[in-house]
Amino acid sequence: MKKKILIIDDKPAIGQLITLYLNADYDFRFFTNAIDAYNWLKEGNIVDLILSDYTMPEMNGFELLVMIKQNEFLKNIPVIILSGEDNTNTRISLLEAGAEDFILKPFNPLELKLRIKKALK
């Protein structure tokens, strides 16, 4: 059975790109809004990993990460943050808050695949 990955990015093209490259290995659920994604998770939907954009309207990736890690039901799901923002302080804050990894956009699909595989071990 394929592992399930939740992708959250306000740009649908990112979700389509990831799905295109990795659909042979994983099943995906995609949201363009972090609030909707979080509510979907709280409804009891199970995923093996979360890939979230950092910069999004309404709720950013850091806020989502904090909410996930504070939720007893969700806190053990690995979260990888994708961002076009190359800022050391941001990366450190995300890792300290519990992110499994941080990947800079634009990303290499092979690197993303390897980092996902590592996070799912």
C-alpha atoms as a PDB file:
ATOM      1  CA  MET A   1       0.000   0.000   0.000  1.00  0.00           C
ATOM      2  CA  LYS A   2       1.324   3.429  -0.941  1.00  0.00           C
ATOM      3  CA  LYS A   3       2.105   5.985   1.764  1.00  0.00           C
ATOM      4  CA  LYS A   4      -0.120   9.063   1.735  1.00  0.00           C
ATOM      5  CA  ILE A   5       1.298  12.578   1.528  1.00  0.00           C
ATOM      6  CA  LEU A   6      -0.603  15.784   2.186  1.00  0.00           C
ATOM      7  CA  ILE A   7       0.599  18.688   0.029  1.00  0.00           C
ATOM      8  CA  ILE A   8      -0.306  22.245   1.043  1.00  0.00           C
ATOM      9  CA  ASP A   9       0.664  25.062  -1.300  1.00  0.00           C
ATOM     10  CA  ASP A  10      -1.276  28.100  -2.465  1.00  0.00           C
ATOM     11  CA  LYS A  11       0.046  27.478  -5.977  1.00  0.00           C
ATOM     12  CA  PRO A  12      -1.715  24.431  -7.517  1.00  0.00           C
ATOM     13  CA  ALA A  13       1.137  23.987 -10.023  1.00  0.00           C
ATOM     14  CA  ILE A  14       3.462  22.895  -7.185  1.00  0.00           C
ATOM     15  CA  GLY A  15       1.060  20.140  -6.147  1.00  0.00           C
ATOM     16  CA  GLN A  16       0.676  19.050  -9.753  1.00  0.00           C
ATOM     17  CA  LEU A  17       4.442  18.979 -10.248  1.00  0.00           C
ATOM     18  CA  ILE A  18       5.068  16.911  -7.104  1.00  0.00           C
ATOM     19  CA  THR A  19       2.258  14.530  -7.992  1.00  0.00           C
ATOM     20  CA  LEU A  20       3.609  14.138 -11.523  1.00  0.00           C
ATOM     21  CA  TYR A  21       7.074  13.181 -10.291  1.00  0.00           C
ATOM     22  CA  LEU A  22       6.102  10.999  -7.340  1.00  0.00           C
ATOM     23  CA  ASN A  23       2.689   9.461  -8.097  1.00  0.00           C
ATOM     24  CA  ALA A  24       4.216   6.041  -8.785  1.00  0.00           C
ATOM     25  CA  ASP A  25       5.437   5.887  -5.185  1.00  0.00           C
ATOM     26  CA  TYR A  26       2.853   7.812  -3.135  1.00  0.00           C
ATOM     27  CA  ASP A  27      -0.803   8.779  -2.912  1.00  0.00           C
ATOM     28  CA  PHE A  28      -1.530  12.472  -2.484  1.00  0.00           C
ATOM     29  CA  ARG A  29      -4.122  14.839  -1.066  1.00  0.00           C
ATOM     30  CA  PHE A  30      -3.705  18.487  -2.044  1.00  0.00           C
ATOM     31  CA  PHE A  31      -4.940  21.724  -0.461  1.00  0.00           C
ATOM     32  CA  THR A  32      -4.237  25.316  -1.492  1.00  0.00           C
ATOM     33  CA  ASN A  33      -5.113  26.592   1.977  1.00  0.00           C
ATOM     34  CA  ALA A  34      -3.458  25.589   5.267  1.00  0.00           C
ATOM     35  CA  ILE A  35      -6.620  26.174   7.309  1.00  0.00           C
ATOM     36  CA  ASP A  36      -8.641  23.774   5.146  1.00  0.00           C
ATOM     37  CA  ALA A  37      -5.831  21.216   5.279  1.00  0.00           C
ATOM     38  CA  TYR A  38      -5.587  21.435   9.077  1.00  0.00           C
ATOM     39  CA  ASN A  39      -9.361  21.063   9.458  1.00  0.00           C
ATOM     40  CA  TRP A  40      -9.264  18.017   7.153  1.00  0.00           C
ATOM     41  CA  LEU A  41      -6.574  16.465   9.346  1.00  0.00           C
ATOM     42  CA  LYS A  42      -8.567  17.198  12.503  1.00  0.00           C
ATOM     43  CA  GLU A  43     -11.513  15.310  11.004  1.00  0.00           C
ATOM     44  CA  GLY A  44      -9.428  12.152  11.431  1.00  0.00           C
ATOM     45  CA  ASN A  45      -7.872  11.872   7.999  1.00  0.00           C
ATOM     46  CA  ILE A  46      -4.539  10.087   8.254  1.00  0.00           C
ATOM     47  CA  VAL A  47      -1.408  10.884   6.250  1.00  0.00           C
ATOM     48  CA  ASP A  48       2.143   9.619   6.532  1.00  0.00           C
ATOM     49  CA  LEU A  49       3.831  12.938   5.727  1.00  0.00           C
ATOM     50  CA  ILE A  50       2.981  16.598   5.190  1.00  0.00           C
ATOM     51  CA  LEU A  51       4.679  18.777   2.559  1.00  0.00           C
ATOM     52  CA  SER A  52       3.785  22.392   3.196  1.00  0.00           C
ATOM     53  CA  ASP A  53       4.718  25.647   1.570  1.00  0.00           C
ATOM     54  CA  TYR A  54       6.065  28.257   3.976  1.00  0.00           C
ATOM     55  CA  THR A  55       4.603  31.441   2.460  1.00  0.00           C
ATOM     56  CA  MET A  56       0.822  31.228   2.138  1.00  0.00           C
ATOM     57  CA  PRO A  57      -2.049  33.646   2.794  1.00  0.00           C
ATOM     58  CA  GLU A  58      -4.254  33.270   5.881  1.00  0.00           C
ATOM     59  CA  MET A  59      -1.974  30.741   7.637  1.00  0.00           C
ATOM     60  CA  ASN A  60       1.694  30.249   6.778  1.00  0.00           C
ATOM     61  CA  GLY A  61       3.705  27.047   7.023  1.00  0.00           C
ATOM     62  CA  PHE A  62       5.201  27.960  10.394  1.00  0.00           C
ATOM     63  CA  GLU A  63       1.771  28.560  11.962  1.00  0.00           C
ATOM     64  CA  LEU A  64       0.507  25.283  10.510  1.00  0.00           C
ATOM     65  CA  LEU A  65       3.559  23.420  11.799  1.00  0.00           C
ATOM     66  CA  VAL A  66       3.058  24.756  15.337  1.00  0.00           C
ATOM     67  CA  MET A  67      -0.616  23.745  15.315  1.00  0.00           C
ATOM     68  CA  ILE A  68       0.230  20.247  14.070  1.00  0.00           C
ATOM     69  CA  LYS A  69       2.954  19.720  16.660  1.00  0.00           C
ATOM     70  CA  GLN A  70       0.636  20.910  19.467  1.00  0.00           C
ATOM     71  CA  ASN A  71      -2.109  18.477  18.442  1.00  0.00           C
ATOM     72  CA  GLU A  72      -1.793  15.136  20.244  1.00  0.00           C
ATOM     73  CA  PHE A  73      -3.311  13.245  17.289  1.00  0.00           C
ATOM     74  CA  LEU A  74      -1.147  14.893  14.616  1.00  0.00           C
ATOM     75  CA  LYS A  75       2.168  15.687  16.308  1.00  0.00           C
ATOM     76  CA  ASN A  76       4.018  12.574  15.089  1.00  0.00           C
ATOM     77  CA  ILE A  77       3.381  13.221  11.396  1.00  0.00           C
ATOM     78  CA  PRO A  78       6.653  14.352   9.778  1.00  0.00           C
ATOM     79  CA  VAL A  79       6.417  17.790   8.165  1.00  0.00           C
ATOM     80  CA  ILE A  80       8.691  19.000   5.383  1.00  0.00           C
ATOM     81  CA  ILE A  81       8.543  22.715   4.587  1.00  0.00           C
ATOM     82  CA  LEU A  82       9.041  23.967   1.025  1.00  0.00           C
ATOM     83  CA  SER A  83       9.993  27.595   0.555  1.00  0.00           C
ATOM     84  CA  GLY A  84      11.306  30.042  -1.994  1.00  0.00           C
ATOM     85  CA  GLU A  85      12.620  32.092   0.921  1.00  0.00           C
ATOM     86  CA  ASP A  86      16.279  31.300   1.639  1.00  0.00           C
ATOM     87  CA  ASN A  87      16.583  32.697   5.141  1.00  0.00           C
ATOM     88  CA  THR A  88      18.709  30.951   7.772  1.00  0.00           C
ATOM     89  CA  ASN A  89      16.652  32.278  10.684  1.00  0.00           C
ATOM     90  CA  THR A  90      13.446  30.977   9.106  1.00  0.00           C
ATOM     91  CA  ARG A  91      14.960  27.538   8.526  1.00  0.00           C
ATOM     92  CA  ILE A  92      16.245  27.369  12.103  1.00  0.00           C
ATOM     93  CA  SER A  93      12.865  28.455  13.517  1.00  0.00           C
ATOM     94  CA  LEU A  94      11.057  25.808  11.486  1.00  0.00           C
ATOM     95  CA  LEU A  95      13.453  23.050  12.487  1.00  0.00           C
ATOM     96  CA  GLU A  96      13.255  24.080  16.148  1.00  0.00           C
ATOM     97  CA  ALA A  97       9.449  24.032  15.939  1.00  0.00           C
ATOM     98  CA  GLY A  98       9.534  20.418  14.766  1.00  0.00           C
ATOM     99  CA  ALA A  99       9.870  20.415  10.979  1.00  0.00           C
ATOM    100  CA  GLU A 100      11.510  17.261   9.712  1.00  0.00           C
ATOM    101  CA  ASP A 101      13.229  19.091   6.882  1.00  0.00           C
ATOM    102  CA  PHE A 102      13.336  22.305   4.859  1.00  0.00           C
ATOM    103  CA  ILE A 103      13.635  22.305   1.073  1.00  0.00           C
ATOM    104  CA  LEU A 104      14.321  25.412  -0.967  1.00  0.00           C
ATOM    105  CA  LYS A 105      12.242  26.082  -4.106  1.00  0.00           C
ATOM    106  CA  PRO A 106      12.830  25.497  -6.894  1.00  0.00           C
ATOM    107  CA  PHE A 107      13.656  21.956  -5.822  1.00  0.00           C
ATOM    108  CA  ASN A 108      15.159  19.018  -7.631  1.00  0.00           C
ATOM    109  CA  PRO A 109      12.497  16.258  -7.855  1.00  0.00           C
ATOM    110  CA  LEU A 110      15.058  13.546  -7.106  1.00  0.00           C
ATOM    111  CA  GLU A 111      16.242  15.399  -3.997  1.00  0.00           C
ATOM    112  CA  LEU A 112      12.632  15.820  -2.865  1.00  0.00           C
ATOM    113  CA  LYS A 113      11.984  12.108  -3.385  1.00  0.00           C
ATOM    114  CA  LEU A 114      15.064  11.170  -1.338  1.00  0.00           C
ATOM    115  CA  ARG A 115      14.192  13.562   1.490  1.00  0.00           C
ATOM    116  CA  ILE A 116      10.639  12.227   1.633  1.00  0.00           C
ATOM    117  CA  LYS A 117      11.933   8.661   1.722  1.00  0.00           C
ATOM    118  CA  LYS A 118      14.293   9.580   4.575  1.00  0.00           C
ATOM    119  CA  ALA A 119      11.527  11.340   6.550  1.00  0.00           C
ATOM    120  CA  LEU A 120       9.249   8.303   6.241  1.00  0.00           C
ATOM    121  CA  LYS A 121      11.757   5.857   7.754  1.00  0.00           C
END
